[in-house]
Amino acid sequence: MGRGRIKPAWIANGKHDLLRAFVLLLSIPTLLFALVPDVQPASRDDAESASENKAKSKTTAKSLRLELEHSYHEAWRLVRDNTLFPDRLKNWNKWEHKYDGKIKNQNDLEKAVTAMLDEVSDQYTYFRNNNQTETVHAKDEQKGVVSYSRGPRNTGVITLSSFSSCNTADELENALRNLQDTDGLLLDLRGNKGGYVEQAVEVYELLTDEGKFVSMKGRQDGKPYLEEIVLEKSGTRRTVNGKTEYESRRSNLTGKKPLIVLVDSNTRSAAEMLAGALRETRRARIAGCKTFGKGVVQNTWDLEPSCSIRITMARYFLPDGKCINGSGIKPDIDIAFEQNAYAKEEPHAFKASSSKGKLAGNGGSSVETILPDLIPNLM
């Protein structure tokens, strides 16, 4: 049998190699396609989502404008119904829709309300923006508004710097408990610009057994407003427009020990209210110089977004029926206070100077320097 010709290996395998190469060429487009990022054309859902977001943004802006405009109208209404000076509102209606469609942000709201309030011509009626409102709210929780120490001849000295904190009465109660064994008290209200009437009432409760505190007369919600607050041994009696209610009270922690209230020209509002009530009910004597003379009461209403308006709505009258607005309280014991160079840093740093008919200090710059001269009036 004859032997066949042997083919070279490259010829024997060539057919298979060509086949593999052909398959590889066919797969290249697939591989290249796999390496290309999957970029899809914008879908209808994406377009609708963008449109919805734009619509929501417009709705939010419109809602804000409506909210701001509502706050302006609310401020207009609150002044109309609560101001102590309705006779100053002869042209008030012209302001109601003056800024419709023009208030787009809180700055616009502040300018509009402030311009409107100029018509009232009252320094105690004003708008507070969000920063000012937040600052006032922060003062509600302020601590350290009451400090105390012991003076010569077992005298307790208490400084009450503000009634704008909800902690004022609590801190005074703590001070009085720590001064229970003293023989007399000096309550320093110099530089106290007032604050919440409610805190002043509670402080009054801590200092005396009974007596009329104050009466207030003005306007509220478009109607005449008359309130009288009288402290009784069993509680505090409030009569508002003829309707009387009784509230629980704090206990008097001072007994009958002598009390002097120290005031100056910056003692204002609720601080004057307290000093006047303590003297008129013969619980204390007042020393210092004539007080500021703020005899009106304001109420505050919150407005959106996070702002507020403060409106003078009543005059207050001391137990003797006198309104001190513009006149102040003249003390029983005159002290001529002369602010020293450090008064800005230390608002209670005064030098008592002598003059005819007035108590002279010892030339120092704190309450301790005048206390020795006050003690004979205290004991």
Foldseek 3Di string as FASTA:
>chain_A
DDDDDDDDPCVVCVVVVVVVVVVVVVCVVVVVVVPDDDDDDDDPVNVVVVVVVVVVVVVVQVVVLVQLLVLLLVLLQQCCFFFQCVVLCPVSVVLNCVCVPPDRDQVSSQVSNQVSCVSVVDPQWHKFGQVRLVVLVVQQADPDQKDWDAAPPQEIEIEHAEPSYVCRLVVVVVSLVVSLPGQFYEYEQELYAYHDLVSLVQNLQQADQWAWQKWKWFGDRNHTWIWTWIHHNQFIWIAIPRDIDTDGGDHHSHPLHAYEYEYEQNRHDSSLSNNLQCVVVPSYFYEEAFYNAQFWDWDKDAGPPNIIIIHTRIGMAHPVRDTRHPPGDGGPAYWDWDDDPCCVVPVQFTATDDDPRHQHFPGGGHPNRRVVVCVVVRD
